[in-house]
Protein backbone atom coordinates (compact mmCIF):
# COMPACT_ATOMS: atom_id res chain seq x y z
CA MET A 1 110.15 75.19 97.10
CA LEU A 2 113.27 75.85 98.60
CA LYS A 3 112.00 79.29 98.07
CA SER A 4 108.75 79.01 100.04
CA ARG A 5 109.93 76.60 102.74
CA LEU A 6 113.13 79.61 103.36
CA VAL A 7 110.14 82.60 103.50
CA ARG A 8 107.96 80.63 105.44
CA ASP A 9 106.64 82.84 108.19
CA SER A 10 107.79 79.78 111.04
CA PHE A 11 111.06 80.28 109.55
CA LEU A 12 111.21 83.91 109.33
CA ALA A 13 109.67 84.32 113.01
CA GLN A 14 112.47 82.37 114.31
CA ILE A 15 114.79 84.49 112.98
CA SER A 16 112.95 87.48 114.34
CA ARG A 17 112.53 85.94 117.77
CA ARG A 18 116.41 84.93 117.98
CA TYR A 19 117.42 88.75 117.24
CA GLY A 20 115.23 89.85 119.75
CA LEU A 21 112.67 92.16 117.59
CA PRO A 22 109.30 91.39 119.53
CA ASP A 23 110.91 92.71 122.38
CA ARG A 24 111.81 95.65 120.17
CA MET A 25 108.08 95.75 118.85
CA ILE A 26 106.57 99.13 119.43
CA ALA A 27 102.18 98.30 119.75
CA HIS A 28 100.02 99.03 122.77
CA PRO A 29 100.98 97.40 125.70
CA SER A 30 97.64 96.02 125.74
CA GLN A 31 98.18 94.30 122.48
CA LYS A 32 101.80 93.67 122.55
CA PRO A 33 101.68 90.35 124.41
CA THR A 34 99.03 89.13 121.82
CA LEU A 35 100.90 90.44 118.99
CA VAL A 36 104.18 88.82 119.83
CA ARG A 37 102.70 85.48 120.37
CA GLN A 38 101.41 85.61 116.88
CA GLU A 39 103.84 83.87 114.29
CA LYS A 40 102.69 85.96 111.61
CA GLN A 41 103.12 89.26 113.54
CA VAL A 42 106.71 88.18 114.71
CA ALA A 43 107.97 86.89 110.97
CA ASN A 44 106.14 90.41 109.59
CA LEU A 45 108.81 92.18 112.26
CA PHE A 46 112.04 90.66 110.48
CA GLU A 47 110.65 91.96 107.04
CA ALA A 48 110.33 94.90 108.14
CA TYR A 49 113.31 95.20 110.04
CA VAL A 50 115.23 94.10 106.57
CA ALA A 51 113.29 96.73 104.53
CA GLY A 52 113.70 99.11 107.01
CA LEU A 53 117.92 98.70 107.02
CA TYR A 54 117.48 98.58 103.04
CA LEU A 55 115.64 102.21 103.20
CA PHE A 56 117.81 103.52 106.42
CA TYR A 57 121.30 102.65 103.91
CA LEU A 58 119.78 104.56 100.77
CA ARG A 59 118.49 107.61 102.80
CA PRO A 60 120.77 110.83 101.53
CA SER A 61 122.38 111.83 104.96
CA THR A 62 126.23 112.89 104.87
CA ALA A 63 127.39 110.25 106.99
CA TYR A 64 126.88 106.98 110.01
CA THR A 65 128.38 105.58 112.03
CA ARG A 66 128.21 101.91 113.86
CA ALA A 67 126.28 103.23 116.95
CA ASP A 68 123.82 104.58 114.18
CA ASP A 69 123.36 101.77 112.52
CA PRO A 70 119.66 100.15 113.02
CA ALA A 71 121.36 97.12 112.70
CA SER A 72 124.26 97.64 115.44
CA SER A 73 122.29 95.12 117.83
CA LEU A 74 123.26 92.30 114.79
CA PRO A 75 126.53 90.83 114.60
CA ASP A 76 128.84 93.57 112.34
CA PHE A 77 128.30 92.44 108.83
CA ARG A 78 130.39 94.85 107.85
CA SER A 79 134.12 93.81 106.99
CA ALA A 80 137.03 96.12 107.06
CA SER A 81 136.86 96.48 103.03
CA ASN A 82 133.77 97.85 103.15
CA GLU A 83 134.35 100.89 105.83
CA ALA A 84 134.30 103.32 103.55
CA THR A 85 131.18 102.26 102.36
CA ALA A 86 129.94 101.83 106.15
CA THR A 87 131.42 105.43 106.81
CA THR A 88 129.08 107.13 103.90
CA SER A 89 125.51 106.45 103.59
CA CYS A 90 124.29 104.27 100.61
CA ARG A 91 122.98 106.40 97.74
CA THR A 92 122.16 103.68 95.44
CA HIS A 93 119.63 100.45 95.28
CA GLY A 94 122.71 98.36 94.45
CA GLN A 95 124.96 99.38 97.49
CA ALA A 96 121.82 98.94 99.87
CA LEU A 97 121.61 95.26 98.42
CA ASP A 98 125.10 94.64 99.03
CA LEU A 99 125.16 95.75 102.71
CA LEU A 100 122.47 93.65 103.21
CA GLU A 101 123.51 90.74 101.71
CA GLN A 102 126.44 90.60 103.65
CA TRP A 103 124.19 89.83 106.57
CA LEU A 104 121.78 87.90 105.07
CA HIS A 105 123.31 85.70 102.80
CA PRO A 106 126.04 83.86 105.78
CA LEU A 107 122.28 83.65 107.85
CA PHE A 108 120.46 82.03 105.25
CA ILE A 109 123.06 80.05 103.07
CA PRO A 110 123.05 76.97 106.55
CA LEU A 111 118.83 77.64 106.41
CA ALA A 112 118.49 76.53 102.23
CA ASP A 113 121.20 73.54 103.30
CA TRP A 114 118.83 72.11 105.73
CA ALA A 115 115.66 73.27 103.03
CA ILE A 116 117.65 71.14 100.75
CA ILE A 117 117.85 68.17 103.06
CA GLN A 118 114.49 67.83 103.99
CA LEU A 119 113.19 68.16 100.34
CA ARG A 120 115.93 65.51 99.34
CA GLU A 121 114.04 63.16 102.33
CA ALA A 122 110.80 63.99 101.25
CA GLN A 123 111.66 62.99 97.68
CA LYS A 124 112.70 59.40 98.84
CA GLN A 125 109.68 59.00 100.54
CA ILE A 126 108.17 59.82 97.28
CA GLY A 127 110.49 57.29 95.53
CA PRO A 128 111.72 57.60 91.98
CA SER A 129 107.74 56.71 90.15
CA GLY A 130 106.40 60.12 91.71
CA ALA A 131 103.92 58.19 92.85
CA ALA A 132 103.81 58.01 97.15
CA GLY A 133 103.18 54.76 98.78
CA GLY A 134 102.40 53.03 96.00
CA ILE A 135 99.13 55.35 95.08
CA ASP A 136 98.20 55.26 91.12
CA ASN A 137 99.05 57.91 88.90
CA THR A 138 95.85 58.04 87.49
CA HIS A 139 94.80 59.67 90.92
CA ASP A 140 96.52 62.46 89.73
CA GLU A 141 95.69 62.38 86.33
CA ARG A 142 91.92 63.11 87.24
CA ALA A 143 92.67 65.37 90.02
CA THR A 144 93.95 67.81 87.06
CA GLY A 145 92.12 70.90 87.11
CA ALA A 146 90.08 70.08 90.39
CA THR A 147 91.89 73.10 92.17
CA ALA A 148 90.40 75.29 89.33
CA ARG A 149 87.06 74.32 89.95
CA LEU A 150 87.13 74.32 93.25
CA ASN A 151 88.30 78.17 93.14
CA GLN A 152 86.00 78.95 90.24
CA HIS A 153 83.05 77.56 92.41
CA PHE A 154 83.45 79.15 95.79
CA ILE A 155 84.45 82.41 94.11
CA VAL A 156 81.09 82.33 92.18
CA GLU A 157 78.70 80.79 94.63
CA GLU A 158 79.77 81.67 97.95
CA GLY A 159 82.05 84.89 97.08
CA MET A 160 85.84 84.15 98.04
CA GLN A 161 88.19 81.83 97.39
CA PRO A 162 89.28 79.13 99.75
CA ILE A 163 92.68 79.06 101.51
CA PHE A 164 95.30 76.71 100.85
CA GLN A 165 98.48 76.51 103.05
CA VAL A 166 101.19 73.90 103.95
CA VAL A 167 100.41 71.91 107.06
CA GLU A 168 103.47 72.02 109.70
CA ASP A 169 104.67 69.24 110.64
CA ALA A 170 102.77 66.85 109.02
CA PRO A 171 104.08 64.59 105.70
CA ALA A 172 105.80 66.16 102.78
CA TRP A 173 103.21 67.85 100.05
CA THR A 174 100.33 67.98 102.79
CA ILE A 175 98.76 71.04 102.16
CA GLU A 176 95.21 72.33 103.65
CA CYS A 177 92.30 73.79 102.15
CA ARG A 178 89.91 75.87 104.18
CA ALA A 179 86.65 77.17 101.85
CA ILE A 180 84.25 79.25 103.85
CA LYS A 181 80.71 79.20 102.92
CA LYS A 182 78.69 82.68 102.83
CA ASP A 183 76.60 81.36 106.43
CA GLY A 184 80.03 80.78 107.90
CA THR A 185 80.45 77.24 107.37
CA VAL A 186 84.25 75.86 107.04
């Protein structure tokens, strides 16, 4: 549950915006305003940036300086003890991951702490019995397997699986299911 909160598009889009990545997006001028308003696209920018840094650190060039570094506009995440690594390009996956970790670890630790607090608050609302608001646990028992049956029905009858997603700014554990029929009705 913690991981899903940390890699949620809303989290990654906020990070992307704070680093100004949407401003650097390369897109057709007519499409860029629309793309930078889409949370998924802005979150994808951050993911692509991290992947690009990883590949940059793996490239077999002779040397690079801070000015050549694609992360130069980001806070300097290399310490003095890593200066030898910083002046020669990484040749192993481990070295690239180590450099990325020096930037991502301090970035995500406070976010993880915040997400844990949110999860604990949601757990308190549910209570020790596991039933929210006194709802009888028999409802949960009767619902076992319902999602699989719903998926199976829509795949066989309508040709596509329903889409499930967490509802933002809703009570904990709120999921929306959108099932689209062949005729286009939802």
